[in-house]
Amino acid sequence: INTDNPDLGAYKNRGGKILTWHGLADELIFPQGTVNYYHRVANELGGMTRAQEFFRLYLVPGLGHGTPNGTSNPDAIVPNFTPTQMYDLLTAWVERAQPPDRVDLQAGAGGETRSMPACVYPKTITFVSGDPKRAENYACS
């Protein structure tokens, strides 16, 4: 179906915006394929900075394919996007020229909650200090 063409120049030139994410624990579609495609788009358009003018990728630790818990532990608490979080980010980018950057994800079950950031690729999550279950204790670098 030719869904891997990296030439998105016409789409970008029409003002199109793309937000995508891939769970790093996806058991069906390997995340490296998405990363490779993102790099191919960046190379086609003249570099990562130019690609990020309209296309942002988030890699999310622990997320699987079709379920937020991509681990073998059914009780794991894996932060995920809320149902409208990506749509809200895309709307802000398109309608108010606010490009998305770091996104804080949330999860909770049985009274326990956890949050963590998702960073715009190629930035990665770095633990700074404090409670590792709280997003504010991480940086994107």
N, C-alpha and C. Protein backbone atom coordinates (compact mmCIF):
# COMPACT_ATOMS: atom_id res chain seq x y z
N ILE A 1 0.82 -1.20 0.00
CA ILE A 1 0.00 0.00 0.00
C ILE A 1 0.85 1.26 0.00
N ASN A 2 2.17 1.09 -0.06
CA ASN A 2 3.11 2.21 -0.19
C ASN A 2 2.97 3.23 0.92
N THR A 3 2.97 2.76 2.15
CA THR A 3 2.85 3.68 3.29
C THR A 3 4.21 4.08 3.85
N ASP A 4 5.28 3.75 3.15
CA ASP A 4 6.60 4.07 3.69
C ASP A 4 7.38 5.07 2.84
N ASN A 5 6.68 5.81 1.99
CA ASN A 5 7.33 6.82 1.17
C ASN A 5 7.77 7.99 2.07
N PRO A 6 9.06 8.31 2.11
CA PRO A 6 9.52 9.38 2.99
C PRO A 6 9.35 10.78 2.41
N ASP A 7 8.90 10.88 1.17
CA ASP A 7 8.74 12.20 0.56
C ASP A 7 7.41 12.82 0.99
N LEU A 8 7.43 13.53 2.09
CA LEU A 8 6.24 14.19 2.62
C LEU A 8 6.27 15.69 2.36
N GLY A 9 7.11 16.12 1.42
CA GLY A 9 7.28 17.53 1.13
C GLY A 9 5.99 18.22 0.72
N ALA A 10 5.20 17.59 -0.14
CA ALA A 10 3.94 18.20 -0.59
C ALA A 10 2.99 18.37 0.60
N TYR A 11 2.93 17.37 1.46
CA TYR A 11 2.07 17.44 2.65
C TYR A 11 2.54 18.58 3.56
N LYS A 12 3.84 18.67 3.78
CA LYS A 12 4.39 19.74 4.62
C LYS A 12 4.09 21.10 4.00
N ASN A 13 4.27 21.22 2.69
CA ASN A 13 4.06 22.50 2.01
C ASN A 13 2.60 22.96 2.07
N ARG A 14 1.66 22.04 2.22
CA ARG A 14 0.25 22.40 2.36
C ARG A 14 -0.10 22.76 3.80
N GLY A 15 0.89 22.73 4.69
CA GLY A 15 0.65 23.08 6.09
C GLY A 15 0.27 21.91 6.97
N GLY A 16 0.43 20.69 6.47
CA GLY A 16 0.09 19.51 7.24
C GLY A 16 0.99 19.32 8.45
N LYS A 17 0.44 18.71 9.48
CA LYS A 17 1.18 18.40 10.71
C LYS A 17 0.95 16.94 11.04
N ILE A 18 1.97 16.28 11.59
CA ILE A 18 1.88 14.87 11.97
C ILE A 18 2.43 14.71 13.38
N LEU A 19 1.65 14.05 14.22
CA LEU A 19 2.12 13.59 15.53
C LEU A 19 1.98 12.09 15.54
N THR A 20 3.03 11.40 15.94
CA THR A 20 2.94 9.95 16.04
C THR A 20 3.73 9.48 17.25
N TRP A 21 3.39 8.32 17.72
CA TRP A 21 4.12 7.71 18.83
C TRP A 21 4.24 6.22 18.56
N HIS A 22 5.21 5.64 19.22
CA HIS A 22 5.39 4.19 19.11
C HIS A 22 5.81 3.68 20.48
N GLY A 23 5.13 2.66 20.95
CA GLY A 23 5.51 2.04 22.22
C GLY A 23 6.77 1.21 22.04
N LEU A 24 7.71 1.39 22.93
CA LEU A 24 8.98 0.66 22.83
C LEU A 24 8.83 -0.82 23.21
N ALA A 25 7.68 -1.20 23.76
CA ALA A 25 7.42 -2.60 24.08
C ALA A 25 6.40 -3.19 23.12
N ASP A 26 6.26 -2.60 21.94
CA ASP A 26 5.32 -3.11 20.93
C ASP A 26 5.77 -4.49 20.48
N GLU A 27 4.91 -5.46 20.72
CA GLU A 27 5.27 -6.85 20.41
C GLU A 27 4.91 -7.27 18.99
N LEU A 28 4.24 -6.40 18.22
CA LEU A 28 3.84 -6.74 16.86
C LEU A 28 4.58 -5.94 15.78
N ILE A 29 4.75 -4.66 16.02
CA ILE A 29 5.44 -3.80 15.05
C ILE A 29 6.66 -3.21 15.76
N PHE A 30 7.82 -3.54 15.29
CA PHE A 30 9.04 -3.12 15.97
C PHE A 30 9.23 -1.61 15.88
N PRO A 31 9.53 -0.95 16.99
CA PRO A 31 9.69 0.50 17.01
C PRO A 31 10.79 1.00 16.07
N GLN A 32 11.81 0.19 15.85
CA GLN A 32 12.92 0.65 15.01
C GLN A 32 12.45 0.96 13.59
N GLY A 33 11.42 0.29 13.11
CA GLY A 33 10.88 0.60 11.79
C GLY A 33 10.34 2.02 11.73
N THR A 34 9.65 2.45 12.78
CA THR A 34 9.14 3.82 12.85
C THR A 34 10.30 4.81 12.94
N VAL A 35 11.30 4.49 13.74
CA VAL A 35 12.47 5.36 13.86
C VAL A 35 13.19 5.47 12.52
N ASN A 36 13.37 4.35 11.83
CA ASN A 36 14.02 4.38 10.52
C ASN A 36 13.24 5.24 9.53
N TYR A 37 11.92 5.09 9.52
CA TYR A 37 11.09 5.90 8.63
C TYR A 37 11.23 7.39 8.96
N TYR A 38 11.21 7.72 10.23
CA TYR A 38 11.35 9.12 10.66
C TYR A 38 12.68 9.70 10.16
N HIS A 39 13.74 8.92 10.27
CA HIS A 39 15.05 9.38 9.77
C HIS A 39 15.04 9.54 8.25
N ARG A 40 14.35 8.64 7.56
CA ARG A 40 14.26 8.76 6.10
C ARG A 40 13.51 10.02 5.70
N VAL A 41 12.44 10.35 6.41
CA VAL A 41 11.70 11.59 6.15
C VAL A 41 12.62 12.78 6.40
N ALA A 42 13.34 12.77 7.51
CA ALA A 42 14.25 13.88 7.83
C ALA A 42 15.31 14.03 6.75
N ASN A 43 15.89 12.94 6.30
CA ASN A 43 16.90 13.01 5.23
C ASN A 43 16.31 13.55 3.94
N GLU A 44 15.10 13.14 3.61
CA GLU A 44 14.42 13.59 2.39
C GLU A 44 14.17 15.10 2.41
N LEU A 45 13.89 15.64 3.61
CA LEU A 45 13.51 17.05 3.74
C LEU A 45 14.65 17.97 4.15
N GLY A 46 15.85 17.43 4.30
CA GLY A 46 16.99 18.29 4.61
C GLY A 46 17.40 18.33 6.06
N GLY A 47 17.03 17.34 6.85
CA GLY A 47 17.49 17.26 8.23
C GLY A 47 16.37 17.20 9.25
N MET A 48 16.75 16.83 10.46
CA MET A 48 15.79 16.64 11.55
C MET A 48 15.06 17.93 11.90
N THR A 49 15.75 19.05 11.90
CA THR A 49 15.12 20.32 12.25
C THR A 49 13.99 20.64 11.27
N ARG A 50 14.23 20.43 10.00
CA ARG A 50 13.20 20.71 8.99
C ARG A 50 12.03 19.74 9.11
N ALA A 51 12.32 18.49 9.39
CA ALA A 51 11.25 17.50 9.56
C ALA A 51 10.38 17.85 10.77
N GLN A 52 11.01 18.30 11.85
CA GLN A 52 10.26 18.60 13.06
C GLN A 52 9.42 19.87 12.95
N GLU A 53 9.55 20.59 11.87
CA GLU A 53 8.67 21.74 11.64
C GLU A 53 7.22 21.28 11.43
N PHE A 54 7.03 20.00 11.05
CA PHE A 54 5.68 19.51 10.81
C PHE A 54 5.44 18.08 11.30
N PHE A 55 6.46 17.39 11.76
CA PHE A 55 6.36 15.97 12.09
C PHE A 55 7.09 15.72 13.40
N ARG A 56 6.37 15.23 14.42
CA ARG A 56 6.97 14.93 15.72
C ARG A 56 6.71 13.46 16.07
N LEU A 57 7.73 12.81 16.59
CA LEU A 57 7.66 11.40 16.98
C LEU A 57 7.96 11.28 18.47
N TYR A 58 7.16 10.47 19.15
CA TYR A 58 7.38 10.16 20.57
C TYR A 58 7.58 8.67 20.71
N LEU A 59 8.66 8.26 21.40
CA LEU A 59 8.89 6.85 21.73
C LEU A 59 8.56 6.69 23.21
N VAL A 60 7.69 5.73 23.52
CA VAL A 60 7.16 5.62 24.88
C VAL A 60 7.56 4.28 25.51
N PRO A 61 8.43 4.33 26.53
CA PRO A 61 8.84 3.11 27.21
C PRO A 61 7.66 2.38 27.84
N GLY A 62 7.66 1.06 27.69
CA GLY A 62 6.67 0.22 28.35
C GLY A 62 5.38 0.01 27.60
N LEU A 63 5.09 0.84 26.60
CA LEU A 63 3.82 0.68 25.88
C LEU A 63 3.92 -0.42 24.85
N GLY A 64 2.87 -1.23 24.80
CA GLY A 64 2.80 -2.32 23.84
C GLY A 64 1.92 -1.96 22.66
N HIS A 65 1.49 -2.96 21.94
CA HIS A 65 0.66 -2.79 20.75
C HIS A 65 -0.80 -3.09 21.10
N GLY A 66 -1.63 -2.09 21.11
CA GLY A 66 -3.04 -2.30 21.38
C GLY A 66 -3.40 -2.34 22.85
N THR A 67 -2.43 -2.37 23.73
CA THR A 67 -2.69 -2.29 25.16
C THR A 67 -1.61 -1.42 25.77
N PRO A 68 -1.94 -0.68 26.78
CA PRO A 68 -0.91 0.18 27.37
C PRO A 68 0.18 -0.59 28.09
N ASN A 69 -0.11 -1.82 28.51
CA ASN A 69 0.86 -2.59 29.27
C ASN A 69 1.60 -3.54 28.33
N GLY A 70 2.78 -3.13 27.90
CA GLY A 70 3.57 -3.95 26.99
C GLY A 70 4.55 -4.84 27.73
N THR A 71 4.25 -5.17 28.98
CA THR A 71 5.15 -6.00 29.76
C THR A 71 4.51 -7.37 30.00
N SER A 72 5.30 -8.28 30.52
CA SER A 72 4.77 -9.60 30.88
C SER A 72 4.10 -9.57 32.25
N ASN A 73 4.15 -8.42 32.92
CA ASN A 73 3.53 -8.26 34.23
C ASN A 73 2.16 -7.63 34.06
N PRO A 74 1.07 -8.37 34.25
CA PRO A 74 -0.26 -7.80 34.04
C PRO A 74 -0.61 -6.69 35.02
N ASP A 75 0.13 -6.59 36.12
CA ASP A 75 -0.14 -5.56 37.12
C ASP A 75 0.74 -4.31 36.96
N ALA A 76 1.57 -4.30 35.94
CA ALA A 76 2.46 -3.14 35.73
C ALA A 76 1.64 -1.89 35.46
N ILE A 77 2.09 -0.76 35.97
CA ILE A 77 1.43 0.52 35.76
C ILE A 77 2.27 1.30 34.76
N VAL A 78 1.82 1.32 33.51
CA VAL A 78 2.58 1.93 32.42
C VAL A 78 1.88 3.22 31.98
N PRO A 79 2.51 4.38 32.17
CA PRO A 79 1.90 5.63 31.72
C PRO A 79 1.63 5.63 30.23
N ASN A 80 0.51 6.28 29.86
CA ASN A 80 0.05 6.29 28.49
C ASN A 80 -0.59 7.65 28.19
N PHE A 81 -0.84 7.91 26.93
CA PHE A 81 -1.56 9.12 26.53
C PHE A 81 -3.01 9.00 26.98
N THR A 82 -3.61 10.12 27.37
CA THR A 82 -5.04 10.13 27.65
C THR A 82 -5.77 10.05 26.31
N PRO A 83 -7.07 9.74 26.31
CA PRO A 83 -7.79 9.57 25.03
C PRO A 83 -7.71 10.77 24.08
N THR A 84 -7.64 11.99 24.58
CA THR A 84 -7.61 13.15 23.67
C THR A 84 -6.28 13.90 23.68
N GLN A 85 -5.30 13.39 24.37
CA GLN A 85 -4.05 14.14 24.54
C GLN A 85 -3.35 14.47 23.22
N MET A 86 -3.19 13.50 22.33
CA MET A 86 -2.53 13.77 21.05
C MET A 86 -3.37 14.70 20.18
N TYR A 87 -4.69 14.51 20.19
CA TYR A 87 -5.57 15.40 19.42
C TYR A 87 -5.45 16.84 19.93
N ASP A 88 -5.44 17.01 21.24
CA ASP A 88 -5.31 18.35 21.81
C ASP A 88 -3.98 18.99 21.42
N LEU A 89 -2.91 18.21 21.44
CA LEU A 89 -1.60 18.73 21.03
C LEU A 89 -1.60 19.13 19.56
N LEU A 90 -2.18 18.29 18.72
CA LEU A 90 -2.24 18.57 17.29
C LEU A 90 -3.08 19.82 17.02
N THR A 91 -4.21 19.94 17.70
CA THR A 91 -5.07 21.11 17.54
C THR A 91 -4.32 22.39 17.93
N ALA A 92 -3.61 22.36 19.04
CA ALA A 92 -2.84 23.53 19.48
C ALA A 92 -1.76 23.89 18.46
N TRP A 93 -1.15 22.88 17.87
CA TRP A 93 -0.10 23.12 16.88
C TRP A 93 -0.68 23.73 15.61
N VAL A 94 -1.79 23.18 15.12
CA VAL A 94 -2.39 23.65 13.87
C VAL A 94 -3.08 25.00 14.05
N GLU A 95 -3.87 25.13 15.11
CA GLU A 95 -4.71 26.31 15.24
C GLU A 95 -4.05 27.47 15.99
N ARG A 96 -3.07 27.19 16.85
CA ARG A 96 -2.44 28.25 17.64
C ARG A 96 -0.92 28.32 17.46
N ALA A 97 -0.40 27.56 16.49
CA ALA A 97 1.04 27.55 16.19
C ALA A 97 1.88 27.24 17.44
N GLN A 98 1.40 26.28 18.25
CA GLN A 98 2.12 25.84 19.44
C GLN A 98 2.64 24.43 19.20
N PRO A 99 3.87 24.31 18.67
CA PRO A 99 4.39 22.96 18.40
C PRO A 99 4.59 22.19 19.70
N PRO A 100 4.19 20.93 19.71
CA PRO A 100 4.32 20.13 20.93
C PRO A 100 5.77 19.77 21.21
N ASP A 101 6.07 19.67 22.48
CA ASP A 101 7.39 19.22 22.90
C ASP A 101 7.17 18.06 23.86
N ARG A 102 7.69 18.15 25.02
CA ARG A 102 7.52 17.10 26.03
C ARG A 102 6.03 16.94 26.37
N VAL A 103 5.62 15.69 26.55
CA VAL A 103 4.25 15.38 26.94
C VAL A 103 4.32 14.51 28.19
N ASP A 104 3.63 14.92 29.25
CA ASP A 104 3.61 14.11 30.46
C ASP A 104 2.45 13.12 30.39
N LEU A 105 2.77 11.85 30.59
CA LEU A 105 1.80 10.76 30.53
C LEU A 105 1.44 10.33 31.94
N GLN A 106 0.24 9.78 32.09
CA GLN A 106 -0.26 9.38 33.41
C GLN A 106 -0.75 7.94 33.38
N ALA A 107 -0.72 7.32 34.55
CA ALA A 107 -1.32 5.99 34.73
C ALA A 107 -1.67 5.83 36.20
N GLY A 108 -2.62 4.99 36.47
CA GLY A 108 -2.97 4.73 37.86
C GLY A 108 -3.86 3.52 37.96
N ALA A 109 -3.65 2.76 39.04
CA ALA A 109 -4.49 1.59 39.29
C ALA A 109 -4.35 1.21 40.76
N GLY A 110 -5.46 0.86 41.37
CA GLY A 110 -5.40 0.40 42.76
C GLY A 110 -4.82 1.41 43.72
N GLY A 111 -5.05 2.68 43.47
CA GLY A 111 -4.54 3.72 44.36
C GLY A 111 -3.13 4.17 44.05
N GLU A 112 -2.40 3.41 43.22
CA GLU A 112 -1.04 3.81 42.86
C GLU A 112 -1.08 4.56 41.54
N THR A 113 -0.37 5.68 41.50
CA THR A 113 -0.30 6.45 40.26
C THR A 113 1.16 6.60 39.84
N ARG A 114 1.32 6.87 38.57
CA ARG A 114 2.66 7.06 38.04
C ARG A 114 2.56 8.00 36.85
N SER A 115 3.57 8.83 36.67
CA SER A 115 3.62 9.70 35.50
C SER A 115 5.04 9.69 34.97
N MET A 116 5.17 9.95 33.70
CA MET A 116 6.49 10.04 33.08
C MET A 116 6.36 10.86 31.80
N PRO A 117 7.45 11.47 31.37
CA PRO A 117 7.36 12.24 30.14
C PRO A 117 7.58 11.37 28.91
N ALA A 118 7.04 11.84 27.80
CA ALA A 118 7.39 11.33 26.48
C ALA A 118 8.08 12.51 25.80
N CYS A 119 9.26 12.27 25.29
CA CYS A 119 10.08 13.32 24.70
C CYS A 119 9.99 13.27 23.17
N VAL A 120 10.08 14.44 22.54
CA VAL A 120 10.12 14.48 21.09
C VAL A 120 11.44 13.85 20.64
N TYR A 121 11.33 12.82 19.81
CA TYR A 121 12.52 12.14 19.28
C TYR A 121 13.33 13.14 18.45
N PRO A 122 14.65 13.16 18.58
CA PRO A 122 15.55 12.18 19.16
C PRO A 122 15.91 12.41 20.62
N LYS A 123 15.23 13.34 21.29
CA LYS A 123 15.49 13.51 22.72
C LYS A 123 15.09 12.24 23.46
N THR A 124 15.75 12.02 24.60
CA THR A 124 15.45 10.85 25.42
C THR A 124 15.15 11.28 26.84
N ILE A 125 14.48 10.41 27.57
CA ILE A 125 14.12 10.66 28.96
C ILE A 125 15.34 10.41 29.84
N THR A 126 15.62 11.37 30.72
CA THR A 126 16.72 11.23 31.67
C THR A 126 16.20 11.48 33.08
N PHE A 127 16.41 10.51 33.96
CA PHE A 127 16.03 10.69 35.36
C PHE A 127 16.97 11.70 36.00
N VAL A 128 16.41 12.69 36.71
CA VAL A 128 17.21 13.74 37.34
C VAL A 128 17.40 13.43 38.82
N SER A 129 16.32 13.37 39.57
CA SER A 129 16.37 13.03 41.00
C SER A 129 14.96 12.96 41.54
N GLY A 130 14.82 12.44 42.76
CA GLY A 130 13.52 12.39 43.39
C GLY A 130 12.79 11.08 43.14
N ASP A 131 11.48 11.14 43.18
CA ASP A 131 10.63 9.97 43.03
C ASP A 131 10.58 9.54 41.56
N PRO A 132 11.04 8.34 41.23
CA PRO A 132 11.04 7.91 39.83
C PRO A 132 9.64 7.65 39.26
N LYS A 133 8.62 7.76 40.10
CA LYS A 133 7.24 7.57 39.62
C LYS A 133 6.57 8.90 39.28
N ARG A 134 7.33 9.99 39.26
CA ARG A 134 6.78 11.32 39.00
C ARG A 134 7.47 11.97 37.81
N ALA A 135 6.71 12.42 36.84
CA ALA A 135 7.24 13.00 35.60
C ALA A 135 8.13 14.20 35.85
N GLU A 136 7.82 14.99 36.86
CA GLU A 136 8.62 16.21 37.11
C GLU A 136 10.06 15.91 37.49
N ASN A 137 10.38 14.66 37.78
CA ASN A 137 11.74 14.28 38.15
C ASN A 137 12.57 13.78 36.97
N TYR A 138 12.08 14.02 35.77
CA TYR A 138 12.76 13.62 34.54
C TYR A 138 12.98 14.84 33.64
N ALA A 139 13.97 14.73 32.79
CA ALA A 139 14.23 15.76 31.79
C ALA A 139 14.29 15.10 30.41
N CYS A 140 14.00 15.89 29.40
CA CYS A 140 14.18 15.44 28.02
C CYS A 140 15.46 16.06 27.50
N SER A 141 16.41 15.24 27.12
CA SER A 141 17.69 15.79 26.65
C SER A 141 18.22 14.97 25.49
